[in-house]
Amino acid sequence: QLQLVESGGGWVQAGGSLKLSCAASGRTFLSYMGWFRQAPGKEREFVAGISNSGSNIIYADSVKGRFTISRDNAKNTVYLQTNTLSHEDTAVYYCAANTYPSTTPRVYDFWGQGTQVTVSS
């Protein structure tokens, strides 16, 4: 069983930054890790993804140049550095694990509980 726990969310002013973490516990295996977010009244959307080795990375157009995904396999942790945050970034941020690369939420097998990011206007 793989358990994912996000942390690092908070309430920040526009232009600020947060570093989100996703810690994995339990059994581990080679997985593609993704960050997703869901804003109030909106569908869950893909933010960023990273391969097990860290060599294959993809970002949503809305966060390119502002967000950075990374992972530390020794710590079983995936990170999302979020910079230059705006009100449009306000959402619950989730990490998820899958066996292959995908930007579609429904194909991911494991999900964390989410961490709230709120950016003041």
N, C-alpha and C. Protein backbone atom coordinates (compact mmCIF):
# COMPACT_ATOMS: atom_id res chain seq x y z
N GLN A 1 0.85 -1.19 0.00
CA GLN A 1 0.00 0.00 0.00
C GLN A 1 0.88 1.24 0.00
N LEU A 2 0.56 2.18 -0.86
CA LEU A 2 1.30 3.42 -0.96
C LEU A 2 0.44 4.55 -0.41
N GLN A 3 1.00 5.32 0.52
CA GLN A 3 0.31 6.45 1.10
C GLN A 3 1.05 7.74 0.76
N LEU A 4 0.31 8.75 0.33
CA LEU A 4 0.89 10.04 -0.04
C LEU A 4 0.31 11.12 0.86
N VAL A 5 1.17 11.96 1.40
CA VAL A 5 0.75 13.03 2.30
C VAL A 5 1.37 14.34 1.86
N GLU A 6 0.52 15.31 1.49
CA GLU A 6 1.00 16.62 1.09
C GLU A 6 1.13 17.54 2.30
N SER A 7 2.01 18.51 2.19
CA SER A 7 2.17 19.53 3.21
C SER A 7 2.77 20.77 2.56
N GLY A 8 2.77 21.87 3.29
CA GLY A 8 3.41 23.09 2.82
C GLY A 8 2.47 24.16 2.30
N GLY A 9 1.18 23.85 2.24
CA GLY A 9 0.23 24.86 1.79
C GLY A 9 0.07 25.95 2.82
N GLY A 10 -0.62 27.01 2.42
CA GLY A 10 -0.82 28.13 3.32
C GLY A 10 -1.52 29.27 2.65
N TRP A 11 -1.54 30.40 3.33
CA TRP A 11 -2.20 31.62 2.87
C TRP A 11 -1.11 32.65 2.62
N VAL A 12 -0.96 33.07 1.37
CA VAL A 12 0.11 34.00 1.00
C VAL A 12 -0.44 35.15 0.18
N GLN A 13 0.30 36.24 0.14
CA GLN A 13 -0.05 37.37 -0.70
C GLN A 13 0.35 37.12 -2.14
N ALA A 14 -0.33 37.77 -3.05
CA ALA A 14 0.03 37.68 -4.46
C ALA A 14 1.50 38.03 -4.66
N GLY A 15 2.18 37.24 -5.47
CA GLY A 15 3.60 37.44 -5.71
C GLY A 15 4.48 36.60 -4.81
N GLY A 16 3.89 35.95 -3.82
CA GLY A 16 4.64 35.13 -2.90
C GLY A 16 4.92 33.74 -3.41
N SER A 17 5.55 32.94 -2.56
CA SER A 17 5.96 31.59 -2.93
C SER A 17 5.67 30.60 -1.81
N LEU A 18 5.46 29.37 -2.20
CA LEU A 18 5.32 28.26 -1.27
C LEU A 18 6.01 27.04 -1.85
N LYS A 19 6.57 26.21 -1.00
CA LYS A 19 7.13 24.94 -1.43
C LYS A 19 6.29 23.82 -0.85
N LEU A 20 5.64 23.08 -1.72
CA LEU A 20 4.80 21.98 -1.32
C LEU A 20 5.60 20.68 -1.32
N SER A 21 5.27 19.80 -0.39
CA SER A 21 5.94 18.51 -0.30
C SER A 21 4.91 17.40 -0.35
N CYS A 22 5.32 16.27 -0.90
CA CYS A 22 4.50 15.08 -0.95
C CYS A 22 5.36 13.92 -0.49
N ALA A 23 5.09 13.43 0.70
CA ALA A 23 5.86 12.33 1.28
C ALA A 23 5.15 11.01 1.05
N ALA A 24 5.88 10.04 0.55
CA ALA A 24 5.34 8.71 0.30
C ALA A 24 5.79 7.74 1.39
N SER A 25 4.88 6.88 1.79
CA SER A 25 5.20 5.86 2.78
C SER A 25 4.54 4.55 2.40
N GLY A 26 4.95 3.49 3.08
CA GLY A 26 4.46 2.17 2.72
C GLY A 26 5.32 1.59 1.61
N ARG A 27 4.74 0.71 0.84
CA ARG A 27 5.49 0.09 -0.25
C ARG A 27 5.84 1.12 -1.31
N THR A 28 6.97 0.94 -1.91
CA THR A 28 7.42 1.84 -2.96
C THR A 28 7.68 1.05 -4.24
N PHE A 29 7.51 1.74 -5.34
CA PHE A 29 7.75 1.16 -6.64
C PHE A 29 7.99 2.28 -7.64
N LEU A 30 8.49 1.93 -8.79
CA LEU A 30 8.75 2.93 -9.82
C LEU A 30 7.43 3.55 -10.26
N SER A 31 7.32 4.85 -10.06
CA SER A 31 6.06 5.52 -10.37
C SER A 31 6.30 6.90 -10.97
N TYR A 32 5.36 7.32 -11.79
CA TYR A 32 5.31 8.68 -12.30
C TYR A 32 4.49 9.49 -11.32
N MET A 33 5.05 10.60 -10.86
CA MET A 33 4.38 11.43 -9.87
C MET A 33 3.86 12.71 -10.50
N GLY A 34 2.64 13.06 -10.13
CA GLY A 34 2.04 14.27 -10.65
C GLY A 34 1.49 15.15 -9.55
N TRP A 35 1.48 16.45 -9.82
CA TRP A 35 0.79 17.42 -8.98
C TRP A 35 -0.44 17.91 -9.73
N PHE A 36 -1.55 17.95 -9.04
CA PHE A 36 -2.80 18.45 -9.58
C PHE A 36 -3.37 19.49 -8.64
N ARG A 37 -4.31 20.28 -9.13
CA ARG A 37 -4.97 21.24 -8.26
C ARG A 37 -6.43 21.35 -8.63
N GLN A 38 -7.22 21.74 -7.65
CA GLN A 38 -8.65 21.91 -7.87
C GLN A 38 -9.10 23.19 -7.18
N ALA A 39 -9.48 24.16 -7.98
CA ALA A 39 -9.96 25.44 -7.48
C ALA A 39 -11.46 25.35 -7.21
N PRO A 40 -11.98 26.24 -6.38
CA PRO A 40 -13.42 26.22 -6.08
C PRO A 40 -14.27 26.28 -7.35
N GLY A 41 -15.18 25.34 -7.49
CA GLY A 41 -16.07 25.32 -8.63
C GLY A 41 -15.44 24.86 -9.93
N LYS A 42 -14.20 24.39 -9.88
CA LYS A 42 -13.50 23.98 -11.09
C LYS A 42 -13.16 22.49 -11.05
N GLU A 43 -12.86 21.95 -12.23
CA GLU A 43 -12.42 20.57 -12.33
C GLU A 43 -10.97 20.45 -11.86
N ARG A 44 -10.61 19.26 -11.41
CA ARG A 44 -9.23 19.01 -11.04
C ARG A 44 -8.35 19.06 -12.29
N GLU A 45 -7.24 19.78 -12.23
CA GLU A 45 -6.40 19.96 -13.40
C GLU A 45 -4.94 19.60 -13.11
N PHE A 46 -4.27 19.17 -14.15
CA PHE A 46 -2.87 18.81 -14.08
C PHE A 46 -2.01 20.05 -13.91
N VAL A 47 -0.99 19.95 -13.07
CA VAL A 47 -0.06 21.04 -12.84
C VAL A 47 1.34 20.69 -13.32
N ALA A 48 1.87 19.57 -12.86
CA ALA A 48 3.22 19.15 -13.22
C ALA A 48 3.38 17.66 -12.98
N GLY A 49 4.31 17.05 -13.72
CA GLY A 49 4.58 15.64 -13.54
C GLY A 49 6.07 15.36 -13.67
N ILE A 50 6.51 14.28 -13.04
CA ILE A 50 7.93 13.93 -13.05
C ILE A 50 8.09 12.42 -13.03
N SER A 51 9.03 11.92 -13.82
CA SER A 51 9.31 10.50 -13.87
C SER A 51 10.08 10.07 -12.63
N ASN A 52 10.21 8.76 -12.45
CA ASN A 52 10.89 8.24 -11.28
C ASN A 52 12.33 8.71 -11.17
N SER A 53 13.00 8.80 -12.31
CA SER A 53 14.39 9.23 -12.34
C SER A 53 14.54 10.75 -12.27
N GLY A 54 13.45 11.47 -12.53
CA GLY A 54 13.50 12.91 -12.57
C GLY A 54 13.90 13.47 -13.91
N SER A 55 14.14 12.61 -14.88
CA SER A 55 14.62 13.05 -16.19
C SER A 55 13.51 13.51 -17.12
N ASN A 56 12.29 13.10 -16.86
CA ASN A 56 11.15 13.46 -17.69
C ASN A 56 10.20 14.33 -16.88
N ILE A 57 10.10 15.60 -17.24
CA ILE A 57 9.28 16.56 -16.51
C ILE A 57 8.37 17.29 -17.48
N ILE A 58 7.15 17.53 -17.05
CA ILE A 58 6.20 18.28 -17.86
C ILE A 58 5.41 19.23 -16.96
N TYR A 59 5.09 20.42 -17.50
CA TYR A 59 4.32 21.42 -16.77
C TYR A 59 3.11 21.85 -17.57
N ALA A 60 2.06 22.19 -16.86
CA ALA A 60 0.94 22.86 -17.51
C ALA A 60 1.38 24.23 -17.97
N ASP A 61 0.82 24.70 -19.09
CA ASP A 61 1.21 26.00 -19.62
C ASP A 61 0.99 27.12 -18.61
N SER A 62 -0.01 26.98 -17.77
CA SER A 62 -0.35 28.02 -16.82
C SER A 62 0.70 28.23 -15.73
N VAL A 63 1.59 27.26 -15.53
CA VAL A 63 2.58 27.37 -14.47
C VAL A 63 4.01 27.34 -14.97
N LYS A 64 4.22 27.17 -16.26
CA LYS A 64 5.57 27.15 -16.81
C LYS A 64 6.32 28.43 -16.47
N GLY A 65 7.54 28.27 -16.00
CA GLY A 65 8.36 29.41 -15.64
C GLY A 65 8.16 29.89 -14.22
N ARG A 66 7.12 29.41 -13.56
CA ARG A 66 6.84 29.82 -12.18
C ARG A 66 6.95 28.67 -11.18
N PHE A 67 6.55 27.48 -11.59
CA PHE A 67 6.56 26.32 -10.70
C PHE A 67 7.67 25.37 -11.10
N THR A 68 8.23 24.67 -10.12
CA THR A 68 9.27 23.68 -10.37
C THR A 68 8.96 22.41 -9.60
N ILE A 69 8.89 21.30 -10.32
CA ILE A 69 8.69 20.01 -9.69
C ILE A 69 10.03 19.30 -9.55
N SER A 70 10.23 18.61 -8.45
CA SER A 70 11.45 17.86 -8.22
C SER A 70 11.15 16.70 -7.29
N ARG A 71 12.11 15.79 -7.16
CA ARG A 71 11.90 14.68 -6.25
C ARG A 71 13.22 14.26 -5.62
N ASP A 72 13.13 13.74 -4.43
CA ASP A 72 14.26 13.21 -3.70
C ASP A 72 13.89 11.78 -3.33
N ASN A 73 14.35 10.84 -4.14
CA ASN A 73 13.95 9.45 -3.94
C ASN A 73 14.51 8.86 -2.65
N ALA A 74 15.63 9.37 -2.17
CA ALA A 74 16.18 8.90 -0.90
C ALA A 74 15.23 9.23 0.26
N LYS A 75 14.46 10.31 0.11
CA LYS A 75 13.49 10.70 1.12
C LYS A 75 12.07 10.33 0.74
N ASN A 76 11.91 9.69 -0.40
CA ASN A 76 10.58 9.32 -0.90
C ASN A 76 9.64 10.53 -0.91
N THR A 77 10.15 11.64 -1.42
CA THR A 77 9.41 12.89 -1.38
C THR A 77 9.47 13.60 -2.73
N VAL A 78 8.34 14.14 -3.14
CA VAL A 78 8.23 14.96 -4.34
C VAL A 78 7.87 16.37 -3.91
N TYR A 79 8.45 17.36 -4.59
CA TYR A 79 8.25 18.75 -4.23
C TYR A 79 7.63 19.54 -5.37
N LEU A 80 6.95 20.60 -5.02
CA LEU A 80 6.48 21.57 -5.99
C LEU A 80 6.78 22.96 -5.45
N GLN A 81 7.77 23.60 -6.03
CA GLN A 81 8.10 24.97 -5.69
C GLN A 81 7.21 25.89 -6.50
N THR A 82 6.42 26.70 -5.82
CA THR A 82 5.48 27.59 -6.50
C THR A 82 5.93 29.03 -6.27
N ASN A 83 6.20 29.76 -7.35
CA ASN A 83 6.66 31.14 -7.28
C ASN A 83 5.69 32.08 -7.98
N THR A 84 5.81 33.35 -7.66
CA THR A 84 4.99 34.39 -8.27
C THR A 84 3.52 33.99 -8.28
N LEU A 85 3.05 33.60 -7.13
CA LEU A 85 1.68 33.13 -7.02
C LEU A 85 0.68 34.27 -7.24
N SER A 86 -0.42 33.93 -7.88
CA SER A 86 -1.50 34.87 -8.10
C SER A 86 -2.80 34.27 -7.59
N HIS A 87 -3.85 35.08 -7.58
CA HIS A 87 -5.13 34.60 -7.10
C HIS A 87 -5.61 33.38 -7.89
N GLU A 88 -5.26 33.31 -9.16
CA GLU A 88 -5.67 32.20 -10.01
C GLU A 88 -5.04 30.87 -9.59
N ASP A 89 -4.01 30.92 -8.76
CA ASP A 89 -3.36 29.70 -8.28
C ASP A 89 -4.03 29.14 -7.03
N THR A 90 -4.98 29.85 -6.49
CA THR A 90 -5.68 29.38 -5.29
C THR A 90 -6.40 28.07 -5.60
N ALA A 91 -6.10 27.04 -4.82
CA ALA A 91 -6.69 25.73 -5.05
C ALA A 91 -6.21 24.77 -3.97
N VAL A 92 -6.84 23.61 -3.91
CA VAL A 92 -6.30 22.51 -3.16
C VAL A 92 -5.33 21.77 -4.08
N TYR A 93 -4.11 21.58 -3.62
CA TYR A 93 -3.09 20.92 -4.42
C TYR A 93 -2.91 19.48 -3.96
N TYR A 94 -2.96 18.56 -4.91
CA TYR A 94 -2.85 17.13 -4.63
C TYR A 94 -1.64 16.55 -5.33
N CYS A 95 -0.98 15.60 -4.70
CA CYS A 95 0.00 14.80 -5.41
C CYS A 95 -0.60 13.43 -5.67
N ALA A 96 -0.12 12.79 -6.71
CA ALA A 96 -0.66 11.50 -7.12
C ALA A 96 0.42 10.66 -7.78
N ALA A 97 0.24 9.35 -7.73
CA ALA A 97 1.21 8.42 -8.31
C ALA A 97 0.53 7.54 -9.34
N ASN A 98 1.25 7.30 -10.43
CA ASN A 98 0.75 6.46 -11.50
C ASN A 98 1.90 5.62 -12.06
N THR A 99 1.58 4.61 -12.83
CA THR A 99 2.61 3.75 -13.40
C THR A 99 3.13 4.25 -14.74
N TYR A 100 2.49 5.26 -15.30
CA TYR A 100 2.91 5.82 -16.58
C TYR A 100 2.56 7.30 -16.63
N PRO A 101 3.24 8.06 -17.49
CA PRO A 101 2.97 9.50 -17.58
C PRO A 101 1.57 9.80 -18.08
N SER A 102 0.89 10.73 -17.43
CA SER A 102 -0.43 11.14 -17.85
C SER A 102 -0.79 12.47 -17.20
N THR A 103 -1.57 13.27 -17.93
CA THR A 103 -2.09 14.52 -17.39
C THR A 103 -3.56 14.39 -16.98
N THR A 104 -4.08 13.18 -17.05
CA THR A 104 -5.48 12.92 -16.76
C THR A 104 -5.65 12.41 -15.34
N PRO A 105 -6.37 13.14 -14.49
CA PRO A 105 -6.48 12.73 -13.08
C PRO A 105 -7.03 11.33 -12.87
N ARG A 106 -8.00 10.93 -13.67
CA ARG A 106 -8.71 9.68 -13.42
C ARG A 106 -7.85 8.43 -13.59
N VAL A 107 -6.70 8.52 -14.24
CA VAL A 107 -5.86 7.33 -14.44
C VAL A 107 -4.87 7.11 -13.29
N TYR A 108 -4.74 8.06 -12.40
CA TYR A 108 -3.80 7.93 -11.29
C TYR A 108 -4.36 7.01 -10.21
N ASP A 109 -3.50 6.15 -9.69
CA ASP A 109 -3.93 5.12 -8.76
C ASP A 109 -3.91 5.55 -7.30
N PHE A 110 -3.01 6.44 -6.94
CA PHE A 110 -2.84 6.85 -5.55
C PHE A 110 -2.87 8.35 -5.44
N TRP A 111 -3.53 8.85 -4.41
CA TRP A 111 -3.69 10.28 -4.18
C TRP A 111 -3.44 10.64 -2.73
N GLY A 112 -2.88 11.83 -2.53
CA GLY A 112 -2.78 12.38 -1.20
C GLY A 112 -4.08 13.06 -0.80
N GLN A 113 -4.10 13.60 0.41
CA GLN A 113 -5.31 14.24 0.92
C GLN A 113 -5.47 15.68 0.45
N GLY A 114 -4.41 16.25 -0.07
CA GLY A 114 -4.44 17.62 -0.56
C GLY A 114 -3.96 18.62 0.47
N THR A 115 -3.43 19.73 -0.01
CA THR A 115 -3.03 20.84 0.85
C THR A 115 -3.52 22.13 0.23
N GLN A 116 -4.11 22.99 1.05
CA GLN A 116 -4.74 24.21 0.55
C GLN A 116 -3.72 25.30 0.31
N VAL A 117 -3.76 25.89 -0.86
CA VAL A 117 -2.98 27.08 -1.19
C VAL A 117 -3.96 28.21 -1.46
N THR A 118 -3.88 29.26 -0.67
CA THR A 118 -4.76 30.41 -0.83
C THR A 118 -3.91 31.65 -1.08
N VAL A 119 -4.16 32.33 -2.18
CA VAL A 119 -3.40 33.51 -2.56
C VAL A 119 -4.35 34.71 -2.56
N SER A 120 -4.03 35.71 -1.77
CA SER A 120 -4.87 36.89 -1.68
C SER A 120 -4.80 37.69 -2.97
N SER A 121 -5.90 38.36 -3.29
CA SER A 121 -5.97 39.14 -4.52
C SER A 121 -5.35 40.51 -4.35
